Amino acid sequence: MRVSLDDTDNDDDGRALYDGRPLTGVAVESLPDGTVLAETSFRDGIQDGPERAYHRDGQLRAEKVYRSGLVTESREWHPNGKLARLSRYELGRKVEEHFWDENSVESAD
């Protein structure tokens, strides 16, 4: 299920709700013209899966991957599309981080 972020609420425990029930699907933040700025994945109202942020031109700006509400990895890109930062997490705590400048030829794959 894909829903507008504007159509979601949060309960007292911080879970995302859609139509009064915990959301399983993707909440999308968009501009009035339909340009997608961000997408967040949920399972039973808890972040689970990718959370992505985009530049206005549609290019991916940042991505975090969640499992049961805890971030496991995050990446950020320079405007030219090259990887700028890679962070890895264990149990929600950052355990590794790498940075690249916009001219770097290194890859984190």
N, C-alpha and C. Protein backbone atom coordinates (compact mmCIF):
# COMPACT_ATOMS: atom_id res chain seq x y z
N MET A 1 0.84 -1.18 0.00
CA MET A 1 0.00 0.00 0.00
C MET A 1 0.89 1.24 0.00
N ARG A 2 0.58 2.22 -0.83
CA ARG A 2 1.26 3.52 -0.87
C ARG A 2 0.24 4.58 -0.48
N VAL A 3 0.61 5.38 0.52
CA VAL A 3 -0.29 6.43 0.99
C VAL A 3 0.49 7.73 1.13
N SER A 4 -0.24 8.82 1.14
CA SER A 4 0.38 10.12 1.36
C SER A 4 0.75 10.26 2.83
N LEU A 5 1.92 10.80 3.10
CA LEU A 5 2.34 11.05 4.48
C LEU A 5 1.32 11.94 5.19
N ASP A 6 0.71 12.84 4.46
CA ASP A 6 -0.30 13.74 5.03
C ASP A 6 -1.52 12.99 5.56
N ASP A 7 -1.74 11.77 5.08
CA ASP A 7 -2.89 10.98 5.50
C ASP A 7 -2.58 10.03 6.65
N THR A 8 -1.39 10.15 7.23
CA THR A 8 -1.00 9.27 8.35
C THR A 8 -1.02 10.05 9.66
N ASP A 9 -1.15 9.31 10.74
CA ASP A 9 -1.07 9.84 12.10
C ASP A 9 -0.11 8.96 12.87
N ASN A 10 0.12 9.31 14.13
CA ASN A 10 0.92 8.47 15.02
C ASN A 10 0.12 8.19 16.28
N ASP A 11 0.26 6.97 16.80
CA ASP A 11 -0.40 6.66 18.06
C ASP A 11 0.51 7.04 19.23
N ASP A 12 0.09 6.78 20.45
CA ASP A 12 0.86 7.16 21.63
C ASP A 12 2.21 6.46 21.72
N ASP A 13 2.35 5.32 21.02
CA ASP A 13 3.62 4.58 21.02
C ASP A 13 4.51 4.98 19.85
N GLY A 14 4.07 5.97 19.05
CA GLY A 14 4.87 6.44 17.93
C GLY A 14 4.71 5.64 16.66
N ARG A 15 3.78 4.68 16.63
CA ARG A 15 3.56 3.90 15.42
C ARG A 15 2.77 4.73 14.40
N ALA A 16 3.12 4.56 13.13
CA ALA A 16 2.41 5.24 12.05
C ALA A 16 1.06 4.56 11.83
N LEU A 17 0.03 5.38 11.73
CA LEU A 17 -1.32 4.87 11.52
C LEU A 17 -1.87 5.39 10.21
N TYR A 18 -2.63 4.55 9.54
CA TYR A 18 -3.38 4.97 8.35
C TYR A 18 -4.79 4.45 8.53
N ASP A 19 -5.73 5.34 8.45
CA ASP A 19 -7.13 4.98 8.63
C ASP A 19 -7.36 4.33 10.00
N GLY A 20 -6.60 4.80 10.99
CA GLY A 20 -6.76 4.34 12.37
C GLY A 20 -6.06 3.04 12.70
N ARG A 21 -5.39 2.43 11.71
CA ARG A 21 -4.70 1.15 11.94
C ARG A 21 -3.21 1.31 11.66
N PRO A 22 -2.37 0.48 12.33
CA PRO A 22 -0.93 0.53 12.05
C PRO A 22 -0.65 0.31 10.56
N LEU A 23 0.16 1.17 10.00
CA LEU A 23 0.45 1.16 8.57
C LEU A 23 1.44 0.06 8.20
N THR A 24 1.09 -0.71 7.20
CA THR A 24 2.03 -1.61 6.53
C THR A 24 2.02 -1.17 5.08
N GLY A 25 3.13 -0.60 4.67
CA GLY A 25 3.23 -0.05 3.32
C GLY A 25 4.21 1.10 3.31
N VAL A 26 4.01 2.01 2.36
CA VAL A 26 4.94 3.13 2.15
C VAL A 26 4.19 4.44 2.27
N ALA A 27 4.71 5.34 3.10
CA ALA A 27 4.17 6.70 3.21
C ALA A 27 5.04 7.59 2.33
N VAL A 28 4.39 8.38 1.48
CA VAL A 28 5.09 9.20 0.50
C VAL A 28 4.84 10.67 0.77
N GLU A 29 5.93 11.45 0.76
CA GLU A 29 5.83 12.91 0.87
C GLU A 29 6.06 13.48 -0.52
N SER A 30 5.10 14.25 -1.02
CA SER A 30 5.18 14.78 -2.39
C SER A 30 4.87 16.26 -2.42
N LEU A 31 5.37 16.91 -3.45
CA LEU A 31 5.01 18.30 -3.72
C LEU A 31 3.64 18.32 -4.40
N PRO A 32 2.97 19.47 -4.44
CA PRO A 32 1.66 19.55 -5.10
C PRO A 32 1.68 19.08 -6.56
N ASP A 33 2.83 19.22 -7.23
CA ASP A 33 2.90 18.77 -8.64
C ASP A 33 3.15 17.27 -8.78
N GLY A 34 3.24 16.56 -7.64
CA GLY A 34 3.45 15.11 -7.68
C GLY A 34 4.88 14.67 -7.52
N THR A 35 5.83 15.61 -7.51
CA THR A 35 7.22 15.27 -7.32
C THR A 35 7.42 14.63 -5.95
N VAL A 36 7.98 13.43 -5.93
CA VAL A 36 8.20 12.70 -4.68
C VAL A 36 9.47 13.23 -4.02
N LEU A 37 9.33 13.65 -2.76
CA LEU A 37 10.48 14.13 -1.98
C LEU A 37 11.02 13.06 -1.04
N ALA A 38 10.13 12.17 -0.55
CA ALA A 38 10.57 11.14 0.40
C ALA A 38 9.58 9.99 0.42
N GLU A 39 10.10 8.81 0.76
CA GLU A 39 9.30 7.60 0.92
C GLU A 39 9.79 6.89 2.17
N THR A 40 8.87 6.42 2.99
CA THR A 40 9.23 5.69 4.21
C THR A 40 8.42 4.41 4.28
N SER A 41 9.10 3.29 4.49
CA SER A 41 8.45 1.97 4.56
C SER A 41 8.11 1.63 6.00
N PHE A 42 6.93 1.02 6.18
CA PHE A 42 6.45 0.62 7.51
C PHE A 42 5.90 -0.80 7.49
N ARG A 43 6.04 -1.47 8.61
CA ARG A 43 5.39 -2.76 8.85
C ARG A 43 4.74 -2.68 10.22
N ASP A 44 3.44 -2.85 10.25
CA ASP A 44 2.68 -2.76 11.51
C ASP A 44 2.95 -1.44 12.24
N GLY A 45 3.12 -0.37 11.46
CA GLY A 45 3.29 0.97 12.03
C GLY A 45 4.71 1.32 12.43
N ILE A 46 5.65 0.40 12.27
CA ILE A 46 7.05 0.61 12.66
C ILE A 46 7.89 0.66 11.39
N GLN A 47 8.85 1.59 11.35
CA GLN A 47 9.71 1.69 10.18
C GLN A 47 10.41 0.36 9.96
N ASP A 48 10.29 -0.15 8.73
CA ASP A 48 10.90 -1.42 8.37
C ASP A 48 11.08 -1.41 6.87
N GLY A 49 12.32 -1.41 6.42
CA GLY A 49 12.63 -1.30 5.00
C GLY A 49 13.25 0.05 4.70
N PRO A 50 13.29 0.42 3.43
CA PRO A 50 13.98 1.66 3.07
C PRO A 50 13.20 2.94 3.38
N GLU A 51 13.96 3.95 3.72
CA GLU A 51 13.47 5.33 3.82
C GLU A 51 14.33 6.12 2.85
N ARG A 52 13.71 6.74 1.86
CA ARG A 52 14.49 7.43 0.83
C ARG A 52 14.09 8.90 0.74
N ALA A 53 15.08 9.74 0.50
CA ALA A 53 14.87 11.17 0.26
C ALA A 53 15.44 11.50 -1.11
N TYR A 54 14.72 12.34 -1.85
CA TYR A 54 15.10 12.66 -3.21
C TYR A 54 15.33 14.15 -3.39
N HIS A 55 16.21 14.49 -4.33
CA HIS A 55 16.34 15.87 -4.78
C HIS A 55 15.10 16.20 -5.62
N ARG A 56 14.83 17.46 -5.82
CA ARG A 56 13.66 17.87 -6.62
C ARG A 56 13.71 17.33 -8.04
N ASP A 57 14.92 17.04 -8.54
CA ASP A 57 15.03 16.49 -9.90
C ASP A 57 14.78 14.98 -9.94
N GLY A 58 14.46 14.37 -8.78
CA GLY A 58 14.17 12.95 -8.72
C GLY A 58 15.35 12.07 -8.37
N GLN A 59 16.54 12.66 -8.33
CA GLN A 59 17.74 11.88 -8.01
C GLN A 59 17.75 11.55 -6.52
N LEU A 60 18.17 10.33 -6.20
CA LEU A 60 18.25 9.89 -4.81
C LEU A 60 19.28 10.72 -4.05
N ARG A 61 18.88 11.25 -2.90
CA ARG A 61 19.75 12.08 -2.05
C ARG A 61 20.26 11.30 -0.85
N ALA A 62 19.39 10.50 -0.24
CA ALA A 62 19.76 9.74 0.95
C ALA A 62 18.86 8.52 1.09
N GLU A 63 19.40 7.50 1.74
CA GLU A 63 18.62 6.29 1.99
C GLU A 63 19.06 5.69 3.32
N LYS A 64 18.07 5.29 4.12
CA LYS A 64 18.32 4.53 5.35
C LYS A 64 17.52 3.25 5.24
N VAL A 65 18.07 2.18 5.78
CA VAL A 65 17.36 0.92 5.81
C VAL A 65 17.08 0.58 7.27
N TYR A 66 15.81 0.30 7.56
CA TYR A 66 15.36 -0.01 8.92
C TYR A 66 14.92 -1.47 9.01
N ARG A 67 15.14 -2.07 10.16
CA ARG A 67 14.60 -3.38 10.50
C ARG A 67 13.97 -3.25 11.88
N SER A 68 12.68 -3.46 11.94
CA SER A 68 11.94 -3.39 13.22
C SER A 68 12.19 -2.10 13.96
N GLY A 69 12.25 -0.99 13.24
CA GLY A 69 12.40 0.32 13.85
C GLY A 69 13.82 0.79 14.08
N LEU A 70 14.80 -0.06 13.83
CA LEU A 70 16.21 0.31 14.03
C LEU A 70 16.91 0.45 12.69
N VAL A 71 17.67 1.54 12.53
CA VAL A 71 18.42 1.73 11.29
C VAL A 71 19.57 0.73 11.25
N THR A 72 19.78 0.13 10.06
CA THR A 72 20.87 -0.82 9.88
C THR A 72 21.97 -0.26 8.97
N GLU A 73 21.57 0.64 8.06
CA GLU A 73 22.54 1.22 7.14
C GLU A 73 21.99 2.54 6.60
N SER A 74 22.88 3.49 6.34
CA SER A 74 22.46 4.73 5.70
C SER A 74 23.50 5.14 4.67
N ARG A 75 23.00 5.75 3.61
CA ARG A 75 23.86 6.25 2.53
C ARG A 75 23.38 7.64 2.14
N GLU A 76 24.34 8.48 1.76
CA GLU A 76 24.04 9.81 1.23
C GLU A 76 24.85 9.99 -0.04
N TRP A 77 24.28 10.72 -0.99
CA TRP A 77 24.95 10.95 -2.26
C TRP A 77 25.17 12.44 -2.49
N HIS A 78 26.27 12.75 -3.18
CA HIS A 78 26.53 14.11 -3.64
C HIS A 78 25.55 14.43 -4.77
N PRO A 79 25.33 15.71 -5.07
CA PRO A 79 24.42 16.08 -6.17
C PRO A 79 24.82 15.48 -7.52
N ASN A 80 26.12 15.14 -7.69
CA ASN A 80 26.56 14.54 -8.95
C ASN A 80 26.31 13.03 -8.99
N GLY A 81 25.67 12.48 -7.95
CA GLY A 81 25.32 11.06 -7.92
C GLY A 81 26.35 10.16 -7.29
N LYS A 82 27.50 10.70 -6.92
CA LYS A 82 28.54 9.87 -6.29
C LYS A 82 28.26 9.74 -4.80
N LEU A 83 28.60 8.58 -4.28
CA LEU A 83 28.38 8.30 -2.87
C LEU A 83 29.19 9.26 -1.99
N ALA A 84 28.54 9.84 -1.00
CA ALA A 84 29.18 10.79 -0.10
C ALA A 84 29.45 10.17 1.28
N ARG A 85 28.52 9.33 1.76
CA ARG A 85 28.66 8.77 3.10
C ARG A 85 27.97 7.41 3.16
N LEU A 86 28.61 6.50 3.88
CA LEU A 86 28.02 5.20 4.16
C LEU A 86 28.21 4.93 5.64
N SER A 87 27.12 4.62 6.31
CA SER A 87 27.17 4.29 7.74
C SER A 87 26.46 2.97 7.95
N ARG A 88 27.03 2.14 8.83
CA ARG A 88 26.39 0.87 9.20
C ARG A 88 26.15 0.87 10.70
N TYR A 89 25.06 0.20 11.07
CA TYR A 89 24.60 0.21 12.46
C TYR A 89 24.34 -1.22 12.94
N GLU A 90 24.54 -1.43 14.22
CA GLU A 90 24.15 -2.67 14.88
C GLU A 90 23.31 -2.29 16.08
N LEU A 91 22.12 -2.86 16.15
CA LEU A 91 21.17 -2.55 17.23
C LEU A 91 20.95 -1.05 17.38
N GLY A 92 20.94 -0.34 16.24
CA GLY A 92 20.67 1.09 16.24
C GLY A 92 21.86 1.97 16.55
N ARG A 93 23.03 1.38 16.83
CA ARG A 93 24.24 2.16 17.14
C ARG A 93 25.20 2.12 15.96
N LYS A 94 25.74 3.29 15.61
CA LYS A 94 26.66 3.38 14.48
C LYS A 94 27.95 2.64 14.82
N VAL A 95 28.35 1.71 13.93
CA VAL A 95 29.57 0.94 14.15
C VAL A 95 30.61 1.17 13.05
N GLU A 96 30.20 1.82 11.96
CA GLU A 96 31.11 2.04 10.85
C GLU A 96 30.63 3.24 10.05
N GLU A 97 31.58 4.06 9.59
CA GLU A 97 31.21 5.21 8.78
C GLU A 97 32.34 5.55 7.82
N HIS A 98 31.97 5.83 6.57
CA HIS A 98 32.94 6.18 5.53
C HIS A 98 32.44 7.42 4.80
N PHE A 99 33.37 8.25 4.35
CA PHE A 99 33.05 9.48 3.62
C PHE A 99 33.84 9.51 2.32
N TRP A 100 33.21 10.09 1.28
CA TRP A 100 33.88 10.31 0.01
C TRP A 100 33.56 11.72 -0.47
N ASP A 101 34.52 12.34 -1.16
CA ASP A 101 34.22 13.65 -1.73
C ASP A 101 33.57 13.46 -3.10
N GLU A 102 33.08 14.53 -3.67
CA GLU A 102 32.31 14.43 -4.92
C GLU A 102 33.15 14.02 -6.11
N ASN A 103 34.46 14.03 -5.98
CA ASN A 103 35.35 13.63 -7.08
C ASN A 103 35.93 12.23 -6.89
N SER A 104 35.58 11.58 -5.82
CA SER A 104 36.13 10.26 -5.50
C SER A 104 35.70 9.22 -6.52
N VAL A 105 36.59 8.26 -6.77
CA VAL A 105 36.25 7.15 -7.66
C VAL A 105 36.01 5.88 -6.84
N GLU A 106 36.10 5.97 -5.52
CA GLU A 106 35.89 4.81 -4.65
C GLU A 106 34.42 4.43 -4.64
N SER A 107 34.17 3.18 -4.33
CA SER A 107 32.81 2.70 -4.24
C SER A 107 32.65 1.90 -2.96
N ALA A 108 31.46 1.94 -2.38
CA ALA A 108 31.19 1.22 -1.13
C ALA A 108 30.53 -0.13 -1.39
N ASP A 109 30.37 -0.53 -2.63
CA ASP A 109 29.67 -1.78 -2.93
C ASP A 109 30.45 -3.00 -2.57
